[in-house]
Amino acid sequence: MVISGDTSKEIPEESLQLMQAPDLLIADAIAPPHIHVLKHMSSEEALELSEELEAKETVLVHLSHLYRPHEVESLFLPLGYDGQTFEF
């Protein structure tokens, strides 16, 4: 499992190597794809990271009020939620 909290897409190569192929990536995605915030990833950047790392499963967390309501946005993005559990 890899957790990226308060992370921009600018992750050092050495760290990316250590993060490769997780069963689960829990990724900071503070903003929807069309909005970019310094020191955080957008959902688009987080999903790009997931692909680059070859994560088996990805959950987007650290979400802001810039997203549409959770029940709408979660139809399009793998948004995390309070109390969510994972089994391996």
N, C-alpha and C. Protein backbone atom coordinates (compact mmCIF):
# COMPACT_ATOMS: atom_id res chain seq x y z
N MET A 1 0.85 -1.17 0.00
CA MET A 1 0.00 0.00 0.00
C MET A 1 0.89 1.23 0.00
N VAL A 2 0.51 2.21 -0.80
CA VAL A 2 1.22 3.49 -0.87
C VAL A 2 0.20 4.59 -0.59
N ILE A 3 0.60 5.52 0.28
CA ILE A 3 -0.25 6.67 0.61
C ILE A 3 0.51 7.93 0.22
N SER A 4 -0.12 8.78 -0.58
CA SER A 4 0.46 10.08 -0.91
C SER A 4 -0.44 11.15 -0.31
N GLY A 5 0.02 11.78 0.72
CA GLY A 5 -0.76 12.84 1.36
C GLY A 5 -0.06 14.17 1.17
N ASP A 6 -0.81 15.21 0.86
CA ASP A 6 -0.23 16.54 0.60
C ASP A 6 0.96 16.42 -0.36
N THR A 7 0.71 15.81 -1.50
CA THR A 7 1.77 15.50 -2.46
C THR A 7 1.49 16.14 -3.80
N SER A 8 2.52 16.73 -4.38
CA SER A 8 2.41 17.19 -5.76
C SER A 8 2.86 16.05 -6.67
N LYS A 9 2.70 16.23 -7.96
CA LYS A 9 3.12 15.19 -8.92
C LYS A 9 4.64 15.11 -9.03
N GLU A 10 5.34 16.08 -8.47
CA GLU A 10 6.80 16.14 -8.55
C GLU A 10 7.42 15.26 -7.46
N ILE A 11 7.37 13.96 -7.66
CA ILE A 11 7.90 12.99 -6.71
C ILE A 11 9.26 12.54 -7.22
N PRO A 12 10.28 12.54 -6.36
CA PRO A 12 11.62 12.13 -6.81
C PRO A 12 11.61 10.70 -7.39
N GLU A 13 12.45 10.49 -8.39
CA GLU A 13 12.54 9.19 -9.07
C GLU A 13 12.84 8.06 -8.08
N GLU A 14 13.71 8.31 -7.14
CA GLU A 14 14.05 7.28 -6.15
C GLU A 14 12.81 6.86 -5.36
N SER A 15 11.98 7.81 -5.00
CA SER A 15 10.73 7.50 -4.29
C SER A 15 9.76 6.74 -5.18
N LEU A 16 9.65 7.16 -6.45
CA LEU A 16 8.76 6.48 -7.38
C LEU A 16 9.13 5.01 -7.53
N GLN A 17 10.42 4.72 -7.53
CA GLN A 17 10.87 3.33 -7.63
C GLN A 17 10.41 2.52 -6.42
N LEU A 18 10.46 3.12 -5.24
CA LEU A 18 10.03 2.44 -4.02
C LEU A 18 8.51 2.24 -3.97
N MET A 19 7.80 3.08 -4.69
CA MET A 19 6.33 3.06 -4.68
C MET A 19 5.74 2.12 -5.72
N GLN A 20 6.54 1.52 -6.57
CA GLN A 20 6.07 0.74 -7.72
C GLN A 20 5.14 -0.41 -7.35
N ALA A 21 4.12 -0.59 -8.18
CA ALA A 21 3.20 -1.74 -8.17
C ALA A 21 2.52 -2.02 -6.83
N PRO A 22 1.94 -1.01 -6.20
CA PRO A 22 1.23 -1.29 -4.95
C PRO A 22 -0.11 -1.98 -5.21
N ASP A 23 -0.56 -2.75 -4.23
CA ASP A 23 -1.90 -3.32 -4.30
C ASP A 23 -2.94 -2.19 -4.22
N LEU A 24 -2.60 -1.15 -3.43
CA LEU A 24 -3.51 -0.02 -3.24
C LEU A 24 -2.72 1.27 -3.18
N LEU A 25 -3.14 2.25 -3.97
CA LEU A 25 -2.61 3.61 -3.90
C LEU A 25 -3.71 4.50 -3.35
N ILE A 26 -3.44 5.12 -2.21
CA ILE A 26 -4.34 6.11 -1.64
C ILE A 26 -3.70 7.46 -1.94
N ALA A 27 -4.30 8.20 -2.86
CA ALA A 27 -3.64 9.37 -3.43
C ALA A 27 -4.37 10.67 -3.12
N ASP A 28 -3.60 11.66 -2.74
CA ASP A 28 -4.07 13.03 -2.57
C ASP A 28 -4.60 13.53 -3.91
N ALA A 29 -5.82 14.00 -3.94
CA ALA A 29 -6.42 14.54 -5.18
C ALA A 29 -7.34 15.68 -4.79
N ILE A 30 -6.75 16.76 -4.33
CA ILE A 30 -7.52 17.84 -3.72
C ILE A 30 -8.49 18.53 -4.68
N ALA A 31 -8.21 18.45 -5.99
CA ALA A 31 -9.05 19.20 -6.93
C ALA A 31 -9.42 18.37 -8.15
N PRO A 32 -10.54 18.70 -8.77
CA PRO A 32 -10.93 18.04 -10.02
C PRO A 32 -9.90 18.31 -11.12
N PRO A 33 -9.98 17.61 -12.25
CA PRO A 33 -8.94 17.70 -13.27
C PRO A 33 -8.69 19.10 -13.84
N HIS A 34 -9.66 19.93 -13.90
CA HIS A 34 -9.48 21.24 -14.54
C HIS A 34 -8.92 22.31 -13.60
N ILE A 35 -8.66 21.96 -12.35
CA ILE A 35 -8.14 22.91 -11.37
C ILE A 35 -6.81 22.40 -10.81
N HIS A 36 -5.80 23.25 -10.77
CA HIS A 36 -4.49 22.86 -10.25
C HIS A 36 -4.17 23.68 -9.01
N VAL A 37 -3.73 22.99 -7.96
CA VAL A 37 -3.41 23.61 -6.69
C VAL A 37 -1.96 23.28 -6.36
N LEU A 38 -1.18 24.26 -5.97
CA LEU A 38 0.21 24.01 -5.60
C LEU A 38 0.29 23.02 -4.45
N LYS A 39 1.29 22.16 -4.48
CA LYS A 39 1.60 21.19 -3.42
C LYS A 39 0.56 20.10 -3.27
N HIS A 40 -0.32 19.95 -4.24
CA HIS A 40 -1.33 18.90 -4.23
C HIS A 40 -1.52 18.40 -5.66
N MET A 41 -2.06 17.19 -5.78
CA MET A 41 -2.39 16.67 -7.10
C MET A 41 -3.88 16.88 -7.38
N SER A 42 -4.18 17.07 -8.64
CA SER A 42 -5.58 17.04 -9.07
C SER A 42 -5.95 15.56 -9.24
N SER A 43 -7.21 15.28 -9.45
CA SER A 43 -7.62 13.90 -9.69
C SER A 43 -6.94 13.35 -10.95
N GLU A 44 -6.79 14.17 -11.95
CA GLU A 44 -6.12 13.75 -13.19
C GLU A 44 -4.67 13.35 -12.91
N GLU A 45 -3.95 14.17 -12.15
CA GLU A 45 -2.56 13.87 -11.83
C GLU A 45 -2.44 12.63 -10.96
N ALA A 46 -3.36 12.47 -10.01
CA ALA A 46 -3.33 11.29 -9.14
C ALA A 46 -3.57 10.01 -9.94
N LEU A 47 -4.47 10.07 -10.90
CA LEU A 47 -4.73 8.89 -11.74
C LEU A 47 -3.56 8.63 -12.70
N GLU A 48 -2.88 9.67 -13.14
CA GLU A 48 -1.66 9.48 -13.93
C GLU A 48 -0.58 8.80 -13.09
N LEU A 49 -0.45 9.22 -11.84
CA LEU A 49 0.50 8.59 -10.94
C LEU A 49 0.15 7.12 -10.74
N SER A 50 -1.12 6.84 -10.55
CA SER A 50 -1.58 5.47 -10.38
C SER A 50 -1.16 4.60 -11.57
N GLU A 51 -1.34 5.14 -12.75
CA GLU A 51 -0.97 4.41 -13.96
C GLU A 51 0.54 4.21 -14.04
N GLU A 52 1.26 5.27 -13.74
CA GLU A 52 2.73 5.20 -13.77
C GLU A 52 3.26 4.17 -12.78
N LEU A 53 2.63 4.08 -11.61
CA LEU A 53 3.07 3.14 -10.58
C LEU A 53 2.55 1.72 -10.82
N GLU A 54 1.59 1.60 -11.73
CA GLU A 54 0.94 0.33 -12.00
C GLU A 54 0.22 -0.20 -10.74
N ALA A 55 -0.51 0.71 -10.09
CA ALA A 55 -1.28 0.36 -8.90
C ALA A 55 -2.45 -0.55 -9.29
N LYS A 56 -2.69 -1.57 -8.49
CA LYS A 56 -3.81 -2.47 -8.76
C LYS A 56 -5.15 -1.79 -8.47
N GLU A 57 -5.19 -0.99 -7.41
CA GLU A 57 -6.40 -0.25 -7.04
C GLU A 57 -5.99 1.13 -6.58
N THR A 58 -6.81 2.13 -6.85
CA THR A 58 -6.53 3.51 -6.46
C THR A 58 -7.76 4.12 -5.83
N VAL A 59 -7.53 4.86 -4.75
CA VAL A 59 -8.59 5.61 -4.09
C VAL A 59 -8.09 7.05 -3.93
N LEU A 60 -8.92 7.99 -4.33
CA LEU A 60 -8.58 9.41 -4.23
C LEU A 60 -9.12 9.98 -2.92
N VAL A 61 -8.24 10.65 -2.19
CA VAL A 61 -8.60 11.23 -0.90
C VAL A 61 -8.11 12.68 -0.82
N HIS A 62 -8.32 13.31 0.34
CA HIS A 62 -7.96 14.71 0.57
C HIS A 62 -8.67 15.58 -0.46
N LEU A 63 -9.97 15.37 -0.54
CA LEU A 63 -10.81 16.02 -1.55
C LEU A 63 -11.32 17.36 -1.05
N SER A 64 -11.43 18.32 -1.93
CA SER A 64 -11.92 19.64 -1.56
C SER A 64 -13.38 19.83 -1.97
N HIS A 65 -13.92 20.98 -1.61
CA HIS A 65 -15.29 21.33 -1.98
C HIS A 65 -15.42 21.69 -3.46
N LEU A 66 -14.31 21.64 -4.20
CA LEU A 66 -14.34 21.97 -5.62
C LEU A 66 -14.97 20.87 -6.48
N TYR A 67 -15.11 19.69 -5.91
CA TYR A 67 -15.74 18.58 -6.63
C TYR A 67 -17.27 18.72 -6.60
N ARG A 68 -17.91 18.07 -7.53
CA ARG A 68 -19.37 17.95 -7.48
C ARG A 68 -19.72 17.06 -6.28
N PRO A 69 -20.98 16.96 -5.88
CA PRO A 69 -21.35 16.10 -4.76
C PRO A 69 -20.79 14.68 -4.93
N HIS A 70 -20.41 14.07 -3.82
CA HIS A 70 -19.74 12.77 -3.82
C HIS A 70 -20.50 11.73 -4.63
N GLU A 71 -21.82 11.68 -4.48
CA GLU A 71 -22.60 10.66 -5.19
C GLU A 71 -22.56 10.86 -6.70
N VAL A 72 -22.28 12.06 -7.16
CA VAL A 72 -22.15 12.33 -8.59
C VAL A 72 -20.71 12.04 -9.04
N GLU A 73 -19.76 12.66 -8.36
CA GLU A 73 -18.35 12.54 -8.77
C GLU A 73 -17.84 11.10 -8.68
N SER A 74 -18.33 10.35 -7.71
CA SER A 74 -17.85 8.97 -7.55
C SER A 74 -18.33 8.05 -8.69
N LEU A 75 -19.23 8.52 -9.52
CA LEU A 75 -19.61 7.76 -10.72
C LEU A 75 -18.48 7.79 -11.75
N PHE A 76 -17.60 8.79 -11.64
CA PHE A 76 -16.55 9.01 -12.63
C PHE A 76 -15.14 8.81 -12.09
N LEU A 77 -14.99 8.94 -10.78
CA LEU A 77 -13.67 8.86 -10.16
C LEU A 77 -13.72 7.93 -8.95
N PRO A 78 -12.61 7.26 -8.64
CA PRO A 78 -12.57 6.35 -7.48
C PRO A 78 -12.35 7.12 -6.17
N LEU A 79 -13.37 7.85 -5.74
CA LEU A 79 -13.25 8.68 -4.55
C LEU A 79 -13.34 7.84 -3.28
N GLY A 80 -12.47 8.17 -2.33
CA GLY A 80 -12.55 7.53 -1.02
C GLY A 80 -13.65 8.17 -0.20
N TYR A 81 -13.94 7.54 0.95
CA TYR A 81 -14.97 8.07 1.84
C TYR A 81 -14.66 7.67 3.28
N ASP A 82 -15.22 8.41 4.23
CA ASP A 82 -15.00 8.13 5.65
C ASP A 82 -15.44 6.72 5.99
N GLY A 83 -14.61 6.02 6.73
CA GLY A 83 -14.95 4.68 7.16
C GLY A 83 -14.68 3.60 6.12
N GLN A 84 -14.12 3.96 4.99
CA GLN A 84 -13.85 2.99 3.94
C GLN A 84 -12.83 1.96 4.43
N THR A 85 -13.05 0.71 4.10
CA THR A 85 -12.13 -0.37 4.48
C THR A 85 -11.63 -1.08 3.22
N PHE A 86 -10.50 -1.76 3.38
CA PHE A 86 -9.87 -2.48 2.27
C PHE A 86 -9.46 -3.85 2.75
N GLU A 87 -9.57 -4.83 1.87
CA GLU A 87 -9.14 -6.18 2.19
C GLU A 87 -8.11 -6.61 1.16
N PHE A 88 -7.08 -7.30 1.65
CA PHE A 88 -6.01 -7.79 0.74
C PHE A 88 -5.92 -9.29 0.87
